């Protein structure tokens, strides 16, 4: 019977490097998922271990390999066959914010094999990948291309197409469930972070009925640290849906650690939504510079911390 695992995590890395001891592949812009197929059927689990089979039922249909655990990414592809985080929002957490789900098709990018009738996590990377390539999957599943030694061909592709980045994986390395390991390195072209929504400001003009910006923070040992506000990246439908959700979450007191720069006229909300934003950089004061809202994440709010998402996390 296939076991339950937690995904292995990659360490941020500053930029591409050439090394014959490494494989390089695309960093897929989607939702991490573990596909488990055993005598109880096929299930999809999130990075936090939550069952998300019901969100993506088409991925557990058809003739799947038996008795396997496959690590991968759930993605929505655009018209050019490239991953689109914005498209995936139709199937993700804008639904949490009150928006009706949009029937956007998704695919599963299978990039590692943890179990195939027997546990494989202690086997070297290249053996796991060879076993993965031998499996037969139904439509909707993708096994990605990899480049050995030199990442620049795929890095150039990422830059040309405006994609998120690449991942480097050390040859011979074992799979370390739940560990952020130096054997995997994520090299980002854009700086993307997750943050907790703790409040919002009033909108003006055409946004008077929705909101101006979301106030964001990251958990520290002392509480929720304010890191700034994001007011761009929302379309009209998102503005209305998010405001409706915010109205259901209003609380009396600020959830943030006191900060003299927090807007005094803000409305405070229960810190239970995780936003995804792209930023140019972090300021010395620990604020986001030029943030753009990209959507919501299904990560546990308590996992969104200053240590995991703040300036020290940036490549």
Protein backbone atom coordinates (compact mmCIF):
# COMPACT_ATOMS: atom_id res chain seq x y z
CA UNK A 1 0.00 0.00 0.00
CA UNK A 2 1.29 3.48 -0.89
CA UNK A 3 2.15 5.59 2.15
CA UNK A 4 1.47 9.23 3.02
CA UNK A 5 4.32 11.66 2.44
CA UNK A 6 5.03 15.37 2.67
CA UNK A 7 6.59 17.13 -0.35
CA UNK A 8 10.31 17.79 -0.41
CA UNK A 9 11.02 21.54 -0.69
CA UNK A 10 13.66 23.47 -2.62
CA UNK A 11 16.12 26.03 -1.27
CA UNK A 12 16.14 29.49 -2.93
CA UNK A 13 19.20 30.08 -5.14
CA UNK A 14 20.48 33.33 -6.61
CA UNK A 15 20.81 32.37 -10.28
CA UNK A 16 21.52 29.70 -12.91
CA UNK A 17 24.75 27.71 -12.62
CA UNK A 18 26.50 25.12 -14.78
CA UNK A 19 27.32 21.81 -13.09
CA UNK A 20 27.34 18.28 -14.51
CA UNK A 21 26.09 16.91 -11.18
CA UNK A 22 22.71 18.63 -11.53
CA UNK A 23 19.49 18.36 -13.56
CA UNK A 24 17.41 21.43 -14.42
CA UNK A 25 13.68 21.67 -15.14
CA UNK A 26 10.95 24.28 -15.39
CA UNK A 27 9.53 25.71 -12.15
CA UNK A 28 5.82 25.10 -12.68
CA UNK A 29 3.53 27.91 -11.55
CA UNK A 30 0.67 26.07 -9.91
CA UNK A 31 -0.36 24.15 -6.79
CA UNK A 32 1.92 21.47 -5.35
CA UNK A 33 0.23 18.11 -5.05
CA UNK A 34 0.96 14.49 -4.19
CA UNK A 35 -1.04 11.91 -6.11
CA UNK A 36 -1.55 8.71 -4.13
CA UNK A 37 -3.06 5.61 -5.73
CA UNK A 38 -3.63 2.58 -3.49
CA UNK A 39 -6.32 0.02 -2.69
CA UNK A 40 -8.58 2.82 -1.43
CA UNK A 41 -8.45 4.62 -4.78
CA UNK A 42 -6.73 7.75 -6.05
CA UNK A 43 -6.37 10.87 -3.90
CA UNK A 44 -4.66 14.24 -4.24
CA UNK A 45 -3.03 15.85 -1.21
CA UNK A 46 -1.77 19.41 -0.80
CA UNK A 47 1.63 20.47 0.48
CA UNK A 48 0.07 20.77 3.96
CA UNK A 49 -1.41 17.26 3.72
CA UNK A 50 -4.99 18.33 3.05
CA UNK A 51 -7.17 16.21 0.77
CA UNK A 52 -7.93 18.25 -2.35
CA UNK A 53 -9.26 15.44 -4.55
CA UNK A 54 -12.67 17.08 -4.80
CA UNK A 55 -11.22 20.26 -6.28
CA UNK A 56 -9.63 18.45 -9.23
CA UNK A 57 -11.73 15.32 -9.83
CA UNK A 58 -10.64 14.93 -13.45
CA UNK A 59 -7.08 14.14 -12.29
CA UNK A 60 -8.11 11.00 -10.40
CA UNK A 61 -10.16 9.50 -13.22
CA UNK A 62 -9.02 7.18 -15.96
CA UNK A 63 -6.45 4.43 -15.88
CA UNK A 64 -3.84 5.51 -13.34
CA UNK A 65 -0.78 3.44 -12.40
CA UNK A 66 -1.50 1.24 -9.36
CA UNK A 67 0.16 1.54 -5.95
CA UNK A 68 2.10 4.76 -6.56
CA UNK A 69 2.83 8.11 -4.95
CA UNK A 70 3.74 10.82 -7.46
CA UNK A 71 4.99 14.30 -6.59
CA UNK A 72 3.98 17.06 -8.95
CA UNK A 73 2.23 20.35 -9.65
CA UNK A 74 -1.37 21.03 -10.60
CA UNK A 75 -1.33 23.66 -13.34
CA UNK A 76 -3.66 25.46 -15.71
CA UNK A 77 -2.12 25.96 -19.14
CA UNK A 78 -2.69 28.99 -21.33
CA UNK A 79 -3.39 28.97 -25.07
CA UNK A 80 0.32 28.44 -25.73
CA UNK A 81 0.57 25.45 -23.42
CA UNK A 82 2.42 27.41 -20.71
CA UNK A 83 1.48 27.46 -17.00
CA UNK A 84 -0.79 30.35 -16.03
CA UNK A 85 -1.27 31.06 -12.33
CA UNK A 86 -4.02 33.53 -13.20
CA UNK A 87 -6.01 30.84 -15.02
CA UNK A 88 -5.62 28.48 -12.12
CA UNK A 89 -7.36 31.03 -9.90
CA UNK A 90 -10.62 29.95 -11.50
CA UNK A 91 -10.13 26.63 -9.75
CA UNK A 92 -8.50 27.83 -6.56
CA UNK A 93 -9.06 30.23 -3.76
CA UNK A 94 -11.03 32.99 -5.41
CA UNK A 95 -13.75 30.41 -4.76
CA UNK A 96 -12.94 30.85 -1.07
CA UNK A 97 -13.52 34.56 -1.57
CA UNK A 98 -17.08 33.96 -2.80
CA UNK A 99 -16.47 33.71 -6.53
CA UNK A 100 -18.18 30.86 -8.38
CA UNK A 101 -15.71 28.35 -9.71
CA UNK A 102 -14.82 28.61 -13.36
CA UNK A 103 -14.43 25.28 -15.21
CA UNK A 104 -10.78 25.83 -16.19
CA UNK A 105 -9.08 22.58 -17.27
CA UNK A 106 -6.03 21.56 -15.26
CA UNK A 107 -3.08 19.22 -15.80
CA UNK A 108 -0.80 17.35 -13.41
CA UNK A 109 2.93 17.76 -14.00
CA UNK A 110 4.54 14.60 -12.55
CA UNK A 111 8.15 15.33 -11.61
CA UNK A 112 9.10 12.70 -9.02
CA UNK A 113 8.13 9.18 -7.98
CA UNK A 114 8.14 8.40 -4.26
CA UNK A 115 6.54 4.96 -4.34
CA UNK A 116 5.86 2.32 -6.99
CA UNK A 117 4.78 -0.91 -5.29
CA UNK A 118 7.64 -0.20 -2.89
CA UNK A 119 9.08 2.96 -1.32
CA UNK A 120 11.59 4.78 -3.53
CA UNK A 121 12.49 7.82 -1.44
CA UNK A 122 15.91 6.39 -0.55
CA UNK A 123 16.74 5.63 -4.18
CA UNK A 124 18.83 8.16 -6.17
CA UNK A 125 17.05 10.85 -8.17
CA UNK A 126 17.91 9.39 -11.58
CA UNK A 127 16.49 5.98 -10.63
CA UNK A 128 13.23 7.56 -9.44
CA UNK A 129 12.96 9.53 -12.68
CA UNK A 130 13.65 6.47 -14.81
CA UNK A 131 10.88 4.57 -13.01
CA UNK A 132 8.57 7.58 -13.45
CA UNK A 133 9.21 7.68 -17.19
CA UNK A 134 8.17 4.02 -17.45
CA UNK A 135 4.69 4.65 -16.03
CA UNK A 136 1.67 5.18 -18.27
CA UNK A 137 -0.63 8.05 -17.36
CA UNK A 138 -3.96 9.13 -18.88
CA UNK A 139 -4.51 12.43 -20.65
CA UNK A 140 -3.99 15.51 -18.50
CA UNK A 141 -0.66 14.26 -17.10
CA UNK A 142 2.71 15.69 -18.15
CA UNK A 143 6.25 14.44 -17.43
CA UNK A 144 8.55 17.46 -17.84
CA UNK A 145 11.74 17.72 -19.89
CA UNK A 146 15.03 18.05 -18.00
CA UNK A 147 18.43 19.47 -18.92
CA UNK A 148 21.66 18.01 -17.57
CA UNK A 149 24.61 20.17 -16.58
CA UNK A 150 23.72 23.46 -18.27
CA UNK A 151 20.44 25.27 -17.45
CA UNK A 152 20.80 28.12 -19.90
CA UNK A 153 18.62 26.67 -22.68
CA UNK A 154 15.66 26.35 -20.31
CA UNK A 155 16.55 29.59 -18.51
CA UNK A 156 16.48 31.48 -21.81
CA UNK A 157 13.07 29.93 -22.53
CA UNK A 158 11.82 31.06 -19.11
CA UNK A 159 13.02 34.61 -19.70
CA UNK A 160 11.56 34.80 -23.22
CA UNK A 161 8.14 33.54 -22.12
CA UNK A 162 7.96 35.45 -18.84
CA UNK A 163 7.77 32.31 -16.69
CA UNK A 164 8.55 31.99 -12.99
CA UNK A 165 11.88 30.20 -12.97
CA UNK A 166 13.64 26.82 -12.90
CA UNK A 167 14.48 24.11 -10.36
CA UNK A 168 17.87 22.40 -10.04
CA UNK A 169 18.09 18.87 -8.58
CA UNK A 170 21.30 17.13 -7.56
CA UNK A 171 22.00 13.78 -9.23
CA UNK A 172 22.20 10.88 -6.79
CA UNK A 173 20.12 12.67 -4.16
CA UNK A 174 17.41 10.93 -2.14
CA UNK A 175 13.90 12.30 -1.61
CA UNK A 176 13.56 13.98 1.81
CA UNK A 177 9.84 14.28 2.69
CA UNK A 178 8.90 17.58 4.32
CA UNK A 179 12.49 18.88 4.25
CA UNK A 180 13.73 22.07 2.56
CA UNK A 181 16.89 20.56 1.13
CA UNK A 182 19.95 21.98 -0.55
CA UNK A 183 19.71 19.07 -2.99
CA UNK A 184 16.89 20.97 -4.70
CA UNK A 185 17.37 24.62 -5.61
CA UNK A 186 14.69 26.97 -6.92
CA UNK A 187 15.92 29.78 -9.12
CA UNK A 188 13.27 32.45 -9.61
CA UNK A 189 13.05 34.98 -12.41
CA UNK A 190 10.41 36.93 -10.49
CA UNK A 191 10.15 37.47 -6.75
CA UNK A 192 6.90 35.99 -5.50
CA UNK A 193 5.77 35.83 -1.89
CA UNK A 194 2.75 34.77 0.11
CA UNK A 195 1.29 36.96 2.83
CA UNK A 196 -1.62 37.08 5.27
CA UNK A 197 -4.53 39.46 4.63
CA UNK A 198 -5.16 41.36 7.86
CA UNK A 199 -7.19 44.33 6.67
CA UNK A 200 -8.12 46.63 3.80
CA UNK A 201 -8.44 50.30 2.96
CA UNK A 202 -11.46 52.03 1.50
CA UNK A 203 -11.67 52.42 -2.25
CA UNK A 204 -12.20 55.69 -4.09
CA UNK A 205 -13.63 56.63 -7.47
CA UNK A 206 -14.54 53.54 -9.45
CA UNK A 207 -13.51 51.34 -6.52
CA UNK A 208 -15.60 53.12 -3.89
CA UNK A 209 -17.85 50.06 -3.55
CA UNK A 210 -14.98 47.58 -3.14
CA UNK A 211 -11.62 48.45 -1.57
CA UNK A 212 -8.42 50.34 -2.25
CA UNK A 213 -5.79 47.86 -1.09
CA UNK A 214 -5.26 44.75 1.00
CA UNK A 215 -3.05 45.10 4.07
CA UNK A 216 -0.62 42.20 4.31
CA UNK A 217 1.55 40.66 6.98
CA UNK A 218 3.77 37.73 7.89
CA UNK A 219 3.77 35.79 11.14
CA UNK A 220 6.68 36.24 13.54
CA UNK A 221 7.23 35.02 17.09
CA UNK A 222 5.74 38.34 18.27
CA UNK A 223 2.65 38.24 16.06
CA UNK A 224 1.60 39.38 12.58
CA UNK A 225 4.16 41.83 11.16
CA UNK A 226 2.80 44.33 8.63
CA UNK A 227 4.74 44.28 5.34
CA UNK A 228 2.71 46.75 3.27
CA UNK A 229 -0.37 47.05 1.07
CA UNK A 230 -1.22 45.75 -2.40
CA UNK A 231 -3.69 47.69 -4.53
CA UNK A 232 -2.97 46.52 -8.08
CA UNK A 233 -3.56 43.29 -9.98
CA UNK A 234 -7.31 43.01 -9.34
CA UNK A 235 -9.92 42.80 -12.07
CA UNK A 236 -13.51 43.97 -11.49
CA UNK A 237 -14.82 40.50 -10.68
CA UNK A 238 -12.06 39.91 -8.14
CA UNK A 239 -12.65 43.27 -6.47
CA UNK A 240 -16.33 42.49 -5.91
CA UNK A 241 -15.77 38.90 -4.81
CA UNK A 242 -12.95 39.75 -2.42
CA UNK A 243 -14.85 42.66 -0.85
CA UNK A 244 -17.84 40.38 -0.25
CA UNK A 245 -15.56 37.91 1.53
CA UNK A 246 -13.83 40.64 3.52
CA UNK A 247 -17.15 41.91 4.81
CA UNK A 248 -17.75 38.47 6.33
CA UNK A 249 -14.35 38.53 8.06
CA UNK A 250 -14.36 41.96 9.76
CA UNK A 251 -13.04 42.12 13.33
CA UNK A 252 -12.80 45.03 15.74
CA UNK A 253 -9.07 45.15 16.45
CA UNK A 254 -6.02 45.13 14.22
CA UNK A 255 -4.42 41.67 13.96
CA UNK A 256 -1.03 43.27 13.28
CA UNK A 257 1.75 44.12 15.69
CA UNK A 258 1.40 47.90 16.28
CA UNK A 259 3.14 49.85 13.52
CA UNK A 260 3.04 53.66 13.16
CA UNK A 261 2.78 53.34 9.36
CA UNK A 262 -0.38 51.23 9.37
CA UNK A 263 -3.30 53.20 7.83
CA UNK A 264 -5.43 54.47 10.70
CA UNK A 265 -8.64 54.33 8.65
CA UNK A 266 -8.27 50.66 7.73
CA UNK A 267 -10.86 47.97 8.34
CA UNK A 268 -9.49 44.88 10.05
CA UNK A 269 -10.26 41.28 9.11
CA UNK A 270 -9.63 37.86 10.57
CA UNK A 271 -6.18 36.79 9.26
CA UNK A 272 -7.35 33.66 7.47
CA UNK A 273 -6.67 34.42 3.78
CA UNK A 274 -3.27 33.88 2.15
CA UNK A 275 -2.56 36.21 -0.78
CA UNK A 276 0.10 35.68 -3.44
CA UNK A 277 1.94 38.80 -4.64
CA UNK A 278 4.81 39.56 -6.98
CA UNK A 279 7.20 42.26 -5.83
CA UNK A 280 10.24 44.01 -7.27
CA UNK A 281 12.19 43.79 -4.02
CA UNK A 282 12.06 44.24 -0.26
CA UNK A 283 12.86 47.60 1.30
CA UNK A 284 15.31 47.92 4.18
CA UNK A 285 12.33 48.44 6.46
CA UNK A 286 10.91 45.06 5.47
CA UNK A 287 8.15 46.41 3.20
CA UNK A 288 7.15 45.08 -0.21
CA UNK A 289 8.19 47.33 -3.10
CA UNK A 290 5.76 47.56 -6.07
CA UNK A 291 3.56 44.57 -5.10
CA UNK A 292 1.05 43.14 -7.59
CA UNK A 293 -1.73 40.81 -6.47
CA UNK A 294 -1.65 37.44 -8.25
CA UNK A 295 -4.33 35.48 -6.40
CA UNK A 296 -4.85 33.42 -3.27
CA UNK A 297 -3.02 30.35 -2.01
CA UNK A 298 -4.32 27.31 -0.16
CA UNK A 299 -1.32 27.20 2.19
CA UNK A 300 -1.95 27.11 5.92
CA UNK A 301 -1.87 30.65 7.30
CA UNK A 302 0.51 29.63 10.08
CA UNK A 303 3.06 28.47 7.51
CA UNK A 304 3.27 31.99 6.04
CA UNK A 305 6.02 33.41 8.22
CA UNK A 306 8.66 36.12 8.14
CA UNK A 307 11.33 33.43 8.07
CA UNK A 308 9.80 31.48 5.17
CA UNK A 309 8.50 34.34 2.99
CA UNK A 310 10.33 37.51 4.02
CA UNK A 311 13.54 39.14 2.73
CA UNK A 312 15.81 36.30 3.87
CA UNK A 313 13.73 33.93 1.69
CA UNK A 314 14.31 35.98 -1.46
CA UNK A 315 16.91 34.63 -3.91
